[in-house]
């Protein structure tokens, strides 16, 4: 097939996306709320569990150590 014909056949198709401006704004607002809560030293319900998923479960807290002979 001649090079000119191949160029006519190729069609660039954008990747499908369901993101709308309203969805983008909703996500941005949610992120802003989460960041404000974090600055205030609180954890949002949305973000609970993310730290554990990344860092692994927290180590058990030791209440009392007994020194046995």
N, C-alpha and C. Protein backbone atom coordinates (compact mmCIF):
# COMPACT_ATOMS: atom_id res chain seq x y z
N UNK A 1 0.85 -1.17 0.00
CA UNK A 1 0.00 0.00 0.00
C UNK A 1 0.91 1.24 0.00
N UNK A 2 0.66 2.18 -0.85
CA UNK A 2 1.48 3.39 -0.89
C UNK A 2 1.38 4.16 0.43
N UNK A 3 2.45 4.88 0.76
CA UNK A 3 2.51 5.63 2.02
C UNK A 3 1.36 6.63 2.14
N UNK A 4 0.98 7.27 1.06
CA UNK A 4 -0.10 8.26 1.11
C UNK A 4 -1.42 7.61 1.52
N UNK A 5 -1.68 6.43 1.05
CA UNK A 5 -2.93 5.73 1.38
C UNK A 5 -2.96 5.39 2.88
N UNK A 6 -1.82 4.90 3.43
CA UNK A 6 -1.78 4.54 4.84
C UNK A 6 -2.06 5.75 5.73
N UNK A 7 -1.56 6.90 5.36
CA UNK A 7 -1.78 8.11 6.15
C UNK A 7 -3.27 8.47 6.19
N UNK A 8 -3.98 8.20 5.11
CA UNK A 8 -5.41 8.53 5.07
C UNK A 8 -6.23 7.56 5.91
N UNK A 9 -5.75 6.35 6.07
CA UNK A 9 -6.50 5.34 6.80
C UNK A 9 -6.39 5.53 8.30
N UNK A 10 -5.24 6.00 8.80
CA UNK A 10 -5.02 6.16 10.24
C UNK A 10 -5.93 7.25 10.80
N UNK A 11 -6.65 6.91 11.85
CA UNK A 11 -7.53 7.87 12.51
C UNK A 11 -7.18 7.88 13.99
N UNK A 12 -6.91 9.05 14.55
CA UNK A 12 -6.60 9.18 15.96
C UNK A 12 -7.90 9.27 16.73
N UNK A 13 -8.05 8.37 17.71
CA UNK A 13 -9.27 8.32 18.52
C UNK A 13 -8.89 8.62 19.95
N UNK A 14 -9.53 9.61 20.58
CA UNK A 14 -9.19 9.92 21.98
C UNK A 14 -9.62 8.79 22.91
N UNK A 15 -8.90 8.66 24.01
CA UNK A 15 -9.23 7.65 25.02
C UNK A 15 -10.58 8.04 25.64
N UNK A 16 -11.50 7.10 25.73
CA UNK A 16 -12.82 7.43 26.31
C UNK A 16 -12.67 7.90 27.75
N UNK A 17 -13.43 8.87 28.11
CA UNK A 17 -13.37 9.41 29.47
C UNK A 17 -14.78 9.79 29.89
N UNK A 18 -15.08 9.47 31.15
CA UNK A 18 -16.40 9.83 31.66
C UNK A 18 -16.31 11.05 32.57
N UNK A 19 -15.11 11.62 32.69
CA UNK A 19 -14.95 12.78 33.56
C UNK A 19 -15.63 14.01 32.97
N UNK A 20 -16.42 14.62 33.77
CA UNK A 20 -17.05 15.87 33.37
C UNK A 20 -16.51 16.97 34.27
N UNK A 21 -16.77 18.19 33.94
CA UNK A 21 -16.31 19.29 34.80
C UNK A 21 -16.95 19.19 36.18
N UNK A 22 -18.21 18.77 36.23
CA UNK A 22 -18.89 18.62 37.53
C UNK A 22 -18.21 17.54 38.37
N UNK A 23 -17.82 16.43 37.74
CA UNK A 23 -17.13 15.36 38.46
C UNK A 23 -15.76 15.84 38.96
N UNK A 24 -15.05 16.56 38.10
CA UNK A 24 -13.75 17.11 38.49
C UNK A 24 -13.90 18.04 39.69
N UNK A 25 -14.89 18.91 39.65
CA UNK A 25 -15.13 19.85 40.75
C UNK A 25 -15.49 19.12 42.04
N UNK A 26 -16.29 18.06 41.93
CA UNK A 26 -16.68 17.28 43.12
C UNK A 26 -15.46 16.63 43.76
N UNK A 27 -14.59 16.06 42.94
CA UNK A 27 -13.38 15.41 43.46
C UNK A 27 -12.45 16.45 44.09
N UNK A 28 -12.29 17.59 43.44
CA UNK A 28 -11.43 18.66 43.96
C UNK A 28 -11.92 19.12 45.32
N UNK A 29 -13.25 19.31 45.45
CA UNK A 29 -13.85 19.76 46.71
C UNK A 29 -13.63 18.72 47.82
N UNK A 30 -13.79 17.44 47.47
CA UNK A 30 -13.57 16.37 48.43
C UNK A 30 -12.11 16.35 48.89
N UNK A 31 -11.18 16.52 47.96
CA UNK A 31 -9.76 16.54 48.32
C UNK A 31 -9.44 17.73 49.21
N UNK A 32 -10.03 18.87 48.91
CA UNK A 32 -9.81 20.06 49.73
C UNK A 32 -10.29 19.84 51.16
N UNK A 33 -11.48 19.21 51.31
CA UNK A 33 -12.02 18.90 52.65
C UNK A 33 -11.08 17.95 53.40
N UNK A 34 -10.62 16.90 52.71
CA UNK A 34 -9.73 15.92 53.34
C UNK A 34 -8.43 16.57 53.79
N UNK A 35 -7.88 17.45 52.96
CA UNK A 35 -6.63 18.12 53.31
C UNK A 35 -6.82 19.06 54.50
N UNK A 36 -7.95 19.75 54.57
CA UNK A 36 -8.21 20.63 55.70
C UNK A 36 -8.34 19.84 56.98
N UNK A 37 -9.04 18.72 56.93
CA UNK A 37 -9.16 17.87 58.12
C UNK A 37 -7.79 17.37 58.56
N UNK A 38 -6.95 17.00 57.61
CA UNK A 38 -5.61 16.52 57.94
C UNK A 38 -4.79 17.62 58.61
N UNK A 39 -4.90 18.85 58.11
CA UNK A 39 -4.19 19.97 58.74
C UNK A 39 -4.68 20.21 60.16
N UNK A 40 -5.97 19.90 60.42
CA UNK A 40 -6.54 20.05 61.75
C UNK A 40 -6.26 18.85 62.65
N UNK A 41 -5.51 17.87 62.14
CA UNK A 41 -5.16 16.69 62.92
C UNK A 41 -6.23 15.63 62.97
N UNK A 42 -7.18 15.68 62.05
CA UNK A 42 -8.27 14.71 62.02
C UNK A 42 -8.15 13.85 60.76
N UNK A 43 -8.80 12.71 60.78
CA UNK A 43 -8.83 11.84 59.61
C UNK A 43 -10.25 11.78 59.08
N UNK A 44 -10.41 11.99 57.79
CA UNK A 44 -11.74 11.93 57.21
C UNK A 44 -12.16 10.47 57.07
N UNK A 45 -13.45 10.23 57.08
CA UNK A 45 -13.95 8.87 56.90
C UNK A 45 -13.49 8.31 55.56
N UNK A 46 -13.40 9.18 54.58
CA UNK A 46 -12.97 8.76 53.24
C UNK A 46 -11.55 8.23 53.23
N UNK A 47 -10.67 8.80 54.07
CA UNK A 47 -9.26 8.42 54.05
C UNK A 47 -8.88 7.35 55.07
N UNK A 48 -9.82 6.95 55.93
CA UNK A 48 -9.50 5.92 56.92
C UNK A 48 -9.07 4.63 56.22
N UNK A 49 -8.00 4.07 56.68
CA UNK A 49 -7.55 2.80 56.12
C UNK A 49 -6.46 2.96 55.07
N UNK A 50 -6.30 4.14 54.49
CA UNK A 50 -5.27 4.32 53.47
C UNK A 50 -3.87 4.16 54.06
N UNK A 51 -3.62 4.75 55.24
CA UNK A 51 -2.30 4.63 55.85
C UNK A 51 -1.97 3.18 56.14
N UNK A 52 -2.94 2.46 56.66
CA UNK A 52 -2.70 1.05 56.97
C UNK A 52 -2.47 0.25 55.69
N UNK A 53 -3.18 0.58 54.64
CA UNK A 53 -2.99 -0.13 53.38
C UNK A 53 -1.59 0.10 52.83
N UNK A 54 -1.05 1.29 53.04
CA UNK A 54 0.29 1.60 52.53
C UNK A 54 1.37 1.11 53.48
N UNK A 55 1.22 1.38 54.79
CA UNK A 55 2.26 1.07 55.76
C UNK A 55 2.14 -0.32 56.37
N UNK A 56 1.00 -0.95 56.23
CA UNK A 56 0.75 -2.22 56.90
C UNK A 56 0.06 -1.95 58.23
N UNK A 57 -0.45 -3.00 58.85
CA UNK A 57 -1.16 -2.79 60.12
C UNK A 57 -0.23 -2.24 61.19
N UNK A 58 -0.77 -1.43 62.07
CA UNK A 58 0.01 -0.85 63.16
C UNK A 58 0.45 -1.94 64.13
N UNK A 59 1.61 -1.76 64.71
CA UNK A 59 2.12 -2.73 65.69
C UNK A 59 1.26 -2.66 66.95
N UNK A 60 1.12 -3.78 67.60
CA UNK A 60 0.34 -3.83 68.83
C UNK A 60 1.01 -2.98 69.90
N UNK A 61 0.21 -2.28 70.69
CA UNK A 61 0.75 -1.46 71.77
C UNK A 61 1.01 -2.34 72.99
N UNK A 62 2.17 -2.17 73.59
CA UNK A 62 2.55 -2.95 74.77
C UNK A 62 2.04 -2.22 76.00
N UNK A 63 1.28 -2.92 76.83
CA UNK A 63 0.74 -2.30 78.03
C UNK A 63 1.63 -2.55 79.24
N UNK A 64 2.18 -3.75 79.31
CA UNK A 64 2.97 -4.09 80.51
C UNK A 64 3.98 -5.18 80.14
N UNK A 65 5.20 -4.98 80.55
CA UNK A 65 6.24 -5.96 80.30
C UNK A 65 6.62 -6.61 81.61
N UNK A 66 6.65 -7.92 81.63
CA UNK A 66 6.99 -8.68 82.83
C UNK A 66 8.38 -9.28 82.61
N UNK A 67 9.28 -8.98 83.54
CA UNK A 67 10.63 -9.52 83.47
C UNK A 67 10.67 -10.80 84.27
N UNK A 68 10.75 -11.93 83.59
CA UNK A 68 10.77 -13.23 84.27
C UNK A 68 12.21 -13.71 84.40
N UNK A 69 12.53 -14.35 85.55
CA UNK A 69 13.88 -14.88 85.76
C UNK A 69 14.20 -16.08 84.90
